[in-house]
Amino acid sequence: MVVVKPKPLSWTMFFLLGIGYFSMMSHLEINYFLRSLIIVMPLQVAAIMYVTYLRWSRRDAQHGTIN
């Protein structure tokens, strides 16, 4: 029986999403400046989500979790 480990599966999924995103951005027929802004947008959203997660997890650890 084949056991699929979650980490290689995650890397494969992110790799395929990256290829799809690159392909989509390569075929856009918009201004070069706007294209560069759109390309960076997912990185900015991911960074905001990561920082928010760190702050919430730190706050919950200091004050105790409320269930």
N, C-alpha and C. Protein backbone atom coordinates (compact mmCIF):
# COMPACT_ATOMS: atom_id res chain seq x y z
N MET A 1 0.84 -1.17 0.00
CA MET A 1 0.00 0.00 0.00
C MET A 1 0.90 1.24 0.00
N VAL A 2 0.55 2.20 -0.82
CA VAL A 2 1.33 3.43 -0.94
C VAL A 2 0.85 4.42 0.10
N VAL A 3 1.79 4.94 0.88
CA VAL A 3 1.47 5.93 1.89
C VAL A 3 1.95 7.30 1.38
N VAL A 4 1.03 8.23 1.26
CA VAL A 4 1.37 9.57 0.78
C VAL A 4 1.63 10.45 2.00
N LYS A 5 2.83 10.98 2.07
CA LYS A 5 3.18 11.86 3.18
C LYS A 5 2.69 13.27 2.87
N PRO A 6 2.23 14.01 3.88
CA PRO A 6 1.64 15.32 3.62
C PRO A 6 2.63 16.37 3.11
N LYS A 7 3.88 16.32 3.52
CA LYS A 7 4.81 17.37 3.11
C LYS A 7 5.12 17.32 1.61
N PRO A 8 5.49 16.16 1.03
CA PRO A 8 5.70 16.14 -0.42
C PRO A 8 4.44 16.47 -1.20
N LEU A 9 3.29 16.08 -0.67
CA LEU A 9 2.04 16.41 -1.34
C LEU A 9 1.81 17.92 -1.34
N SER A 10 2.14 18.58 -0.24
CA SER A 10 2.00 20.04 -0.16
C SER A 10 2.95 20.72 -1.14
N TRP A 11 4.18 20.25 -1.20
CA TRP A 11 5.14 20.85 -2.13
C TRP A 11 4.69 20.67 -3.57
N THR A 12 4.14 19.51 -3.88
CA THR A 12 3.65 19.27 -5.23
C THR A 12 2.49 20.20 -5.56
N MET A 13 1.58 20.38 -4.61
CA MET A 13 0.45 21.26 -4.83
C MET A 13 0.91 22.71 -5.04
N PHE A 14 1.84 23.19 -4.20
CA PHE A 14 2.35 24.55 -4.36
C PHE A 14 3.10 24.72 -5.67
N PHE A 15 3.83 23.68 -6.09
CA PHE A 15 4.55 23.73 -7.36
C PHE A 15 3.58 23.87 -8.53
N LEU A 16 2.51 23.08 -8.52
CA LEU A 16 1.53 23.16 -9.60
C LEU A 16 0.80 24.50 -9.59
N LEU A 17 0.48 25.02 -8.41
CA LEU A 17 -0.14 26.34 -8.33
C LEU A 17 0.80 27.43 -8.85
N GLY A 18 2.08 27.31 -8.55
CA GLY A 18 3.05 28.28 -9.04
C GLY A 18 3.18 28.25 -10.55
N ILE A 19 3.19 27.05 -11.12
CA ILE A 19 3.27 26.93 -12.58
C ILE A 19 2.03 27.55 -13.23
N GLY A 20 0.86 27.27 -12.66
CA GLY A 20 -0.37 27.83 -13.20
C GLY A 20 -0.40 29.35 -13.09
N TYR A 21 0.06 29.87 -11.96
CA TYR A 21 0.08 31.32 -11.76
C TYR A 21 1.06 31.98 -12.73
N PHE A 22 2.23 31.38 -12.91
CA PHE A 22 3.21 31.93 -13.84
C PHE A 22 2.67 31.92 -15.27
N SER A 23 2.02 30.83 -15.64
CA SER A 23 1.45 30.74 -16.98
C SER A 23 0.37 31.78 -17.19
N MET A 24 -0.49 31.97 -16.19
CA MET A 24 -1.56 32.95 -16.30
C MET A 24 -0.99 34.37 -16.43
N MET A 25 0.01 34.69 -15.64
CA MET A 25 0.60 36.03 -15.69
C MET A 25 1.37 36.27 -16.98
N SER A 26 1.92 35.21 -17.55
CA SER A 26 2.67 35.36 -18.80
C SER A 26 1.76 35.72 -19.97
N HIS A 27 0.52 35.29 -19.92
CA HIS A 27 -0.38 35.51 -21.04
C HIS A 27 -1.28 36.73 -20.88
N LEU A 28 -1.12 37.49 -19.81
CA LEU A 28 -1.94 38.69 -19.64
C LEU A 28 -1.51 39.78 -20.61
N GLU A 29 -2.47 40.43 -21.20
CA GLU A 29 -2.19 41.51 -22.14
C GLU A 29 -2.50 42.85 -21.46
N ILE A 30 -1.71 43.19 -20.44
CA ILE A 30 -1.92 44.46 -19.74
C ILE A 30 -0.58 45.19 -19.66
N ASN A 31 -0.66 46.40 -19.15
CA ASN A 31 0.52 47.24 -19.00
C ASN A 31 1.57 46.54 -18.12
N TYR A 32 2.85 46.75 -18.44
CA TYR A 32 3.94 46.10 -17.71
C TYR A 32 3.93 46.51 -16.23
N PHE A 33 3.66 47.79 -15.92
CA PHE A 33 3.63 48.25 -14.54
C PHE A 33 2.51 47.58 -13.75
N LEU A 34 1.33 47.49 -14.34
CA LEU A 34 0.21 46.82 -13.66
C LEU A 34 0.47 45.33 -13.48
N ARG A 35 1.12 44.72 -14.46
CA ARG A 35 1.42 43.30 -14.35
C ARG A 35 2.37 43.05 -13.18
N SER A 36 3.36 43.93 -12.99
CA SER A 36 4.30 43.74 -11.88
C SER A 36 3.60 43.90 -10.53
N LEU A 37 2.62 44.79 -10.45
CA LEU A 37 1.85 44.94 -9.21
C LEU A 37 1.00 43.71 -8.93
N ILE A 38 0.38 43.17 -9.97
CA ILE A 38 -0.47 41.99 -9.80
C ILE A 38 0.37 40.77 -9.43
N ILE A 39 1.58 40.67 -9.95
CA ILE A 39 2.43 39.52 -9.64
C ILE A 39 2.81 39.51 -8.16
N VAL A 40 3.06 40.66 -7.57
CA VAL A 40 3.52 40.73 -6.18
C VAL A 40 2.35 40.62 -5.18
N MET A 41 1.13 40.85 -5.64
CA MET A 41 -0.01 40.87 -4.73
C MET A 41 -0.20 39.58 -3.91
N PRO A 42 -0.11 38.37 -4.48
CA PRO A 42 -0.26 37.17 -3.65
C PRO A 42 0.81 37.04 -2.57
N LEU A 43 2.02 37.50 -2.84
CA LEU A 43 3.07 37.47 -1.82
C LEU A 43 2.73 38.40 -0.67
N GLN A 44 2.18 39.56 -0.98
CA GLN A 44 1.79 40.50 0.06
C GLN A 44 0.65 39.95 0.91
N VAL A 45 -0.32 39.32 0.28
CA VAL A 45 -1.44 38.73 1.02
C VAL A 45 -0.94 37.61 1.92
N ALA A 46 -0.05 36.77 1.40
CA ALA A 46 0.49 35.67 2.21
C ALA A 46 1.28 36.21 3.40
N ALA A 47 2.04 37.29 3.21
CA ALA A 47 2.81 37.87 4.31
C ALA A 47 1.89 38.45 5.37
N ILE A 48 0.82 39.11 4.97
CA ILE A 48 -0.14 39.66 5.92
C ILE A 48 -0.82 38.55 6.71
N MET A 49 -1.20 37.47 6.03
CA MET A 49 -1.83 36.35 6.73
C MET A 49 -0.86 35.71 7.72
N TYR A 50 0.40 35.58 7.35
CA TYR A 50 1.41 34.97 8.22
C TYR A 50 1.64 35.83 9.47
N VAL A 51 1.78 37.13 9.29
CA VAL A 51 2.02 38.03 10.43
C VAL A 51 0.80 38.05 11.34
N THR A 52 -0.40 38.06 10.76
CA THR A 52 -1.62 38.04 11.56
C THR A 52 -1.72 36.75 12.37
N TYR A 53 -1.39 35.62 11.75
CA TYR A 53 -1.41 34.35 12.45
C TYR A 53 -0.41 34.35 13.61
N LEU A 54 0.79 34.88 13.39
CA LEU A 54 1.79 34.92 14.46
C LEU A 54 1.31 35.78 15.63
N ARG A 55 0.71 36.93 15.32
CA ARG A 55 0.23 37.80 16.40
C ARG A 55 -0.90 37.15 17.18
N TRP A 56 -1.85 36.53 16.49
CA TRP A 56 -2.97 35.89 17.18
C TRP A 56 -2.50 34.71 18.01
N SER A 57 -1.57 33.92 17.48
CA SER A 57 -1.10 32.76 18.24
C SER A 57 -0.29 33.21 19.45
N ARG A 58 0.46 34.28 19.35
CA ARG A 58 1.23 34.80 20.48
C ARG A 58 0.29 35.36 21.54
N ARG A 59 -0.77 36.05 21.10
CA ARG A 59 -1.73 36.63 22.03
C ARG A 59 -2.48 35.53 22.78
N ASP A 60 -2.88 34.47 22.06
CA ASP A 60 -3.58 33.36 22.70
C ASP A 60 -2.69 32.64 23.69
N ALA A 61 -1.40 32.53 23.40
CA ALA A 61 -0.48 31.85 24.31
C ALA A 61 -0.26 32.67 25.59
N GLN A 62 -0.26 33.99 25.47
CA GLN A 62 -0.04 34.84 26.63
C GLN A 62 -1.28 34.92 27.53
N HIS A 63 -2.47 35.00 26.93
CA HIS A 63 -3.69 35.20 27.69
C HIS A 63 -4.47 33.91 27.93
N GLY A 64 -4.01 32.84 27.38
CA GLY A 64 -4.77 31.59 27.50
C GLY A 64 -5.87 31.55 26.47
N THR A 65 -6.18 30.40 25.99
CA THR A 65 -7.20 30.29 24.96
C THR A 65 -8.58 30.36 25.60
N ILE A 66 -9.49 31.02 24.90
CA ILE A 66 -10.86 31.14 25.37
C ILE A 66 -11.70 30.18 24.52
N ASN A 67 -12.31 29.21 25.18
CA ASN A 67 -13.12 28.22 24.44
C ASN A 67 -14.57 28.46 24.67
